Amino acid sequence: MQVAELIGSLAAVLTTTAFIPQVWQVWRTKHTKDISLAMYAFFTTGVALWLAYGVLLASWPIIIANCITLLLAGSVLILKLKFG
């Protein structure tokens, strides 16, 4: 594995798993008052576009990382809409 691929893979793992504590916290407490709806709406849309970009390039690392991130960030967005 080249250095660039290693760095990209590590970045994908870290930025994707970074959402797990937020999803868990919101799921557990049902508290979303301090979460910005606009930020999660924009971010989730951006991740969906990154996913589309990865599909167009047929780049599995981009596709996999953004599928997982879309699921996690989308979960927070849905929970924010549900619990307000």
Protein backbone atom coordinates (compact mmCIF):
# COMPACT_ATOMS: atom_id res chain seq x y z
CA MET A 1 0.00 0.00 0.00
CA GLN A 2 1.33 3.40 -0.94
CA VAL A 3 1.63 6.18 1.62
CA ALA A 4 -1.15 8.20 -0.05
CA GLU A 5 -3.53 5.22 0.09
CA LEU A 6 -2.65 4.59 3.73
CA ILE A 7 -3.28 8.22 4.66
CA GLY A 8 -6.56 8.25 2.71
CA SER A 9 -7.71 5.03 4.31
CA LEU A 10 -6.89 6.26 7.80
CA ALA A 11 -8.66 9.56 7.11
CA ALA A 12 -11.75 7.69 5.88
CA VAL A 13 -11.85 5.45 8.96
CA LEU A 14 -11.40 8.34 11.40
CA THR A 15 -13.87 10.76 9.79
CA THR A 16 -16.46 8.01 9.40
CA THR A 17 -16.19 6.58 12.90
CA ALA A 18 -16.18 10.08 14.40
CA PHE A 19 -19.98 10.09 14.07
CA ILE A 20 -20.53 6.97 16.16
CA PRO A 21 -20.30 8.74 19.55
CA GLN A 22 -22.76 11.42 18.41
CA VAL A 23 -25.27 8.89 17.12
CA TRP A 24 -24.96 6.87 20.33
CA GLN A 25 -25.33 9.96 22.54
CA VAL A 26 -28.45 11.17 20.74
CA TRP A 27 -29.97 7.69 20.61
CA ARG A 28 -29.34 7.17 24.32
CA THR A 29 -30.45 10.59 25.63
CA LYS A 30 -32.97 11.67 22.96
CA HIS A 31 -31.47 15.16 23.47
CA THR A 32 -30.78 17.14 20.29
CA LYS A 33 -31.29 20.75 21.39
CA ASP A 34 -27.63 21.70 20.98
CA ILE A 35 -27.21 20.04 17.58
CA SER A 36 -27.44 22.33 14.57
CA LEU A 37 -30.12 21.19 12.14
CA ALA A 38 -28.65 23.30 9.33
CA MET A 39 -25.15 21.87 9.83
CA TYR A 40 -26.38 18.27 9.71
CA ALA A 41 -28.64 18.99 6.72
CA PHE A 42 -25.79 20.55 4.75
CA PHE A 43 -23.29 17.92 5.85
CA THR A 44 -25.57 14.99 5.03
CA THR A 45 -26.29 16.47 1.60
CA GLY A 46 -22.56 16.92 1.03
CA VAL A 47 -21.86 13.32 2.01
CA ALA A 48 -24.56 12.14 -0.39
CA LEU A 49 -22.85 14.11 -3.15
CA TRP A 50 -19.46 12.59 -2.21
CA LEU A 51 -21.11 9.19 -2.46
CA ALA A 52 -22.46 10.02 -5.93
CA TYR A 53 -18.97 11.21 -6.91
CA GLY A 54 -17.48 7.94 -5.70
CA VAL A 55 -20.06 5.96 -7.67
CA LEU A 56 -19.32 7.97 -10.83
CA LEU A 57 -15.60 7.26 -10.38
CA ALA A 58 -16.25 3.65 -9.34
CA SER A 59 -13.98 4.32 -6.35
CA TRP A 60 -14.80 1.74 -3.70
CA PRO A 61 -12.96 3.52 -0.85
CA ILE A 62 -15.01 6.69 -1.47
CA ILE A 63 -18.22 4.68 -1.87
CA ILE A 64 -17.78 2.61 1.29
CA ALA A 65 -16.65 5.48 3.52
CA ASN A 66 -19.45 7.74 2.36
CA CYS A 67 -22.14 5.05 2.60
CA ILE A 68 -21.26 4.53 6.24
CA THR A 69 -20.92 8.26 6.93
CA LEU A 70 -24.25 8.95 5.21
CA LEU A 71 -25.90 6.32 7.39
CA LEU A 72 -24.42 7.77 10.60
CA ALA A 73 -24.87 11.48 9.79
CA GLY A 74 -28.31 10.76 8.36
CA SER A 75 -29.22 9.01 11.60
CA VAL A 76 -28.31 12.10 13.61
CA LEU A 77 -30.29 14.27 11.19
CA ILE A 78 -33.36 12.04 11.48
CA LEU A 79 -33.06 11.93 15.27
CA LYS A 80 -32.73 15.73 15.33
CA LEU A 81 -35.91 16.04 13.27
CA LYS A 82 -37.68 13.51 15.49
CA PHE A 83 -36.61 14.85 18.87
CA GLY A 84 -36.18 18.49 17.85
